[in-house]
N, C-alpha and C. Protein backbone atom coordinates (compact mmCIF):
# COMPACT_ATOMS: atom_id res chain seq x y z
N UNK A 1 -56.55 -34.06 174.85
CA UNK A 1 -58.12 -34.11 175.44
C UNK A 1 -59.07 -34.37 174.89
N UNK A 2 -60.17 -35.26 175.24
CA UNK A 2 -61.25 -35.66 174.60
C UNK A 2 -62.20 -34.65 174.19
N UNK A 3 -63.31 -34.54 173.45
CA UNK A 3 -64.24 -33.53 173.19
C UNK A 3 -65.24 -33.30 174.21
N UNK A 4 -64.94 -32.39 175.05
CA UNK A 4 -65.90 -31.88 175.83
C UNK A 4 -66.10 -30.48 176.21
N UNK A 5 -67.40 -29.79 176.40
CA UNK A 5 -67.27 -28.57 176.14
C UNK A 5 -68.17 -27.97 177.57
N UNK A 6 -67.77 -26.96 177.63
CA UNK A 6 -68.60 -26.57 178.93
C UNK A 6 -70.19 -26.69 178.90
N UNK A 7 -70.35 -26.81 180.38
CA UNK A 7 -72.01 -27.27 180.46
C UNK A 7 -72.24 -28.94 180.03
N UNK A 8 -70.97 -29.34 179.75
CA UNK A 8 -71.42 -30.80 179.54
C UNK A 8 -71.61 -31.52 180.99
N UNK A 9 -72.58 -32.45 181.15
CA UNK A 9 -72.64 -33.37 182.29
C UNK A 9 -72.13 -34.47 181.70
N UNK A 10 -71.14 -35.17 182.98
CA UNK A 10 -70.71 -36.13 182.93
C UNK A 10 -70.38 -36.83 184.15
N UNK A 11 -70.20 -38.29 184.27
CA UNK A 11 -70.14 -39.13 185.21
C UNK A 11 -68.46 -39.46 185.42
N UNK A 12 -68.49 -39.47 186.61
CA UNK A 12 -67.09 -39.85 187.18
C UNK A 12 -66.83 -41.30 187.49
N UNK A 13 -65.73 -41.76 187.78
CA UNK A 13 -65.49 -43.22 188.12
C UNK A 13 -65.99 -42.95 189.58
N UNK A 14 -65.38 -42.22 190.46
CA UNK A 14 -65.68 -41.71 191.95
C UNK A 14 -66.78 -41.17 192.16
N UNK A 15 -67.54 -41.38 193.16
CA UNK A 15 -68.63 -40.34 193.76
C UNK A 15 -68.17 -39.47 194.44
N UNK A 16 -68.63 -38.53 194.34
CA UNK A 16 -68.49 -37.14 195.40
C UNK A 16 -69.12 -37.71 196.73
N UNK A 17 -68.45 -37.07 197.82
CA UNK A 17 -68.78 -37.58 199.24
C UNK A 17 -70.02 -37.53 199.65
N UNK A 18 -71.02 -36.64 198.69
CA UNK A 18 -72.28 -36.49 199.05
C UNK A 18 -73.08 -37.57 198.34
N UNK A 19 -72.14 -38.46 197.74
CA UNK A 19 -73.34 -39.78 197.08
C UNK A 19 -73.36 -39.64 195.44
N UNK A 20 -73.14 -38.32 194.76
CA UNK A 20 -73.47 -37.98 193.84
C UNK A 20 -72.04 -38.41 192.71
N UNK A 21 -72.16 -39.02 191.20
CA UNK A 21 -71.25 -39.38 190.54
C UNK A 21 -71.51 -38.28 189.45
N UNK A 22 -72.46 -37.30 189.25
CA UNK A 22 -72.56 -36.36 188.05
C UNK A 22 -72.05 -35.12 188.34
N UNK A 23 -71.44 -34.70 187.41
CA UNK A 23 -70.91 -33.28 187.51
C UNK A 23 -71.00 -32.25 186.26
N UNK A 24 -71.33 -31.23 186.33
CA UNK A 24 -71.29 -30.28 185.26
C UNK A 24 -69.66 -29.54 184.90
N UNK A 25 -69.32 -29.43 183.61
CA UNK A 25 -67.98 -28.65 183.53
C UNK A 25 -68.38 -27.29 183.35
N UNK A 26 -67.89 -26.25 184.25
CA UNK A 26 -67.72 -25.12 184.34
C UNK A 26 -66.96 -24.20 183.98
N UNK A 27 -65.76 -24.95 183.80
CA UNK A 27 -64.35 -24.18 183.25
C UNK A 27 -63.28 -25.01 183.00
N UNK A 28 -63.05 -24.71 181.43
CA UNK A 28 -61.56 -25.21 181.19
C UNK A 28 -60.90 -24.54 180.80
N UNK A 29 -59.54 -24.62 181.48
CA UNK A 29 -58.47 -23.59 181.10
C UNK A 29 -57.22 -24.43 181.51
N UNK A 30 -56.50 -24.11 182.26
CA UNK A 30 -55.33 -25.25 182.63
C UNK A 30 -55.75 -26.15 183.16
N UNK A 31 -56.90 -26.07 183.93
CA UNK A 31 -57.42 -27.56 184.42
C UNK A 31 -59.09 -27.60 184.25
N UNK A 32 -59.66 -28.61 184.65
CA UNK A 32 -60.98 -28.51 184.57
C UNK A 32 -61.88 -28.59 185.61
N UNK A 33 -62.86 -27.56 185.66
CA UNK A 33 -63.47 -27.41 187.04
C UNK A 33 -64.68 -27.92 186.74
N UNK A 34 -64.98 -28.50 187.95
CA UNK A 34 -66.49 -29.21 187.66
C UNK A 34 -67.47 -28.86 188.98
N UNK A 35 -68.65 -29.00 189.17
CA UNK A 35 -69.65 -28.52 189.78
C UNK A 35 -70.48 -29.81 190.06
N UNK A 36 -70.43 -30.14 191.27
CA UNK A 36 -71.43 -31.48 191.68
C UNK A 36 -72.78 -31.17 191.21
N UNK A 37 -73.62 -32.15 190.69
CA UNK A 37 -74.76 -32.05 190.60
C UNK A 37 -76.03 -31.79 191.67
N UNK A 38 -75.45 -32.56 192.59
CA UNK A 38 -76.39 -32.51 193.92
C UNK A 38 -75.95 -31.73 194.98
N UNK A 39 -74.98 -31.17 195.02
CA UNK A 39 -74.50 -30.13 196.27
C UNK A 39 -73.92 -28.90 195.90
N UNK A 40 -73.64 -28.80 194.60
CA UNK A 40 -73.41 -27.70 193.88
C UNK A 40 -71.88 -27.37 194.23
N UNK A 41 -70.98 -28.40 195.05
CA UNK A 41 -69.75 -27.98 195.24
C UNK A 41 -68.57 -28.20 194.31
N UNK A 42 -67.72 -27.26 194.19
CA UNK A 42 -66.74 -27.15 192.61
C UNK A 42 -65.78 -27.74 193.33
N UNK A 43 -65.15 -28.78 192.16
CA UNK A 43 -63.87 -29.41 192.27
C UNK A 43 -63.11 -29.13 190.95
N UNK A 44 -61.65 -29.21 191.16
CA UNK A 44 -61.02 -29.19 190.32
C UNK A 44 -59.98 -30.22 189.67
N UNK A 45 -60.07 -30.66 188.75
CA UNK A 45 -58.76 -31.68 188.36
C UNK A 45 -58.14 -31.25 187.08
N UNK A 46 -56.67 -31.76 186.95
CA UNK A 46 -55.87 -31.56 185.93
C UNK A 46 -56.54 -32.14 184.71
N UNK A 47 -56.13 -31.54 183.50
CA UNK A 47 -56.64 -32.55 182.26
C UNK A 47 -56.63 -33.70 182.44
N UNK A 48 -55.26 -34.24 182.58
CA UNK A 48 -54.81 -35.68 182.67
C UNK A 48 -55.88 -36.60 183.60
N UNK A 49 -56.09 -36.18 184.70
CA UNK A 49 -56.56 -36.62 185.97
C UNK A 49 -58.16 -36.43 185.64
N UNK A 50 -58.89 -35.62 184.72
CA UNK A 50 -60.09 -35.54 184.41
C UNK A 50 -60.32 -36.67 183.57
N UNK A 51 -59.33 -36.95 182.42
CA UNK A 51 -59.77 -37.99 181.63
C UNK A 51 -59.39 -39.29 181.85
N UNK A 52 -58.65 -39.50 183.22
CA UNK A 52 -58.45 -40.45 183.75
C UNK A 52 -60.08 -41.05 184.62
N UNK A 53 -60.41 -40.15 185.25
CA UNK A 53 -61.86 -40.40 185.86
C UNK A 53 -62.93 -40.15 185.48
N UNK A 54 -63.10 -39.70 184.02
CA UNK A 54 -64.13 -39.38 183.59
C UNK A 54 -64.94 -40.94 183.07
N UNK A 55 -66.08 -41.12 183.14
CA UNK A 55 -66.76 -42.49 182.75
C UNK A 55 -67.65 -42.20 181.79
N UNK A 56 -68.45 -41.50 181.53
CA UNK A 56 -69.77 -41.16 180.73
C UNK A 56 -70.21 -39.99 180.27
N UNK A 57 -70.41 -39.42 179.35
CA UNK A 57 -71.00 -38.02 179.14
C UNK A 57 -72.17 -38.04 178.40
N UNK A 58 -73.21 -37.05 178.87
CA UNK A 58 -74.35 -36.76 178.74
C UNK A 58 -74.66 -36.43 177.12
N UNK A 59 -75.07 -37.31 176.09
CA UNK A 59 -75.36 -36.45 174.85
C UNK A 59 -76.43 -37.04 174.29
N UNK A 60 -77.34 -36.47 173.75
CA UNK A 60 -78.70 -36.89 173.28
C UNK A 60 -79.77 -37.38 173.97
N UNK A 61 -79.48 -37.01 175.48
CA UNK A 61 -80.65 -37.39 176.17
C UNK A 61 -80.26 -38.82 176.99
N UNK A 62 -78.95 -39.16 176.81
CA UNK A 62 -78.58 -40.48 177.66
C UNK A 62 -77.00 -40.42 177.56
N UNK A 63 -76.71 -41.14 178.68
CA UNK A 63 -75.18 -41.20 179.01
C UNK A 63 -74.62 -42.08 178.07
N UNK A 64 -73.51 -41.77 177.42
CA UNK A 64 -72.73 -42.49 176.65
C UNK A 64 -71.56 -42.39 177.47
N UNK A 65 -71.01 -44.30 177.23
CA UNK A 65 -69.95 -44.79 177.91
C UNK A 65 -68.32 -44.38 176.94
N UNK A 66 -67.67 -43.74 177.72
CA UNK A 66 -66.34 -43.26 176.93
C UNK A 66 -65.55 -44.30 176.89
N UNK A 67 -65.41 -45.21 177.80
CA UNK A 67 -64.42 -46.52 177.60
C UNK A 67 -65.29 -47.85 177.47
């Protein structure tokens, strides 16, 4: 798994139905649990799917592209 921590803000490949593509990592155990930044809905991905769909991570005041 790539270097992600709890409470990191990430941008995903596909937007949530509410229109936001920004999510906060709230749990990392057998799966990665994310919370939508706009509507606070919680979704869960397997670690493999999470790495497949994540595009950017927020570091040092800006989003850094993963790919």
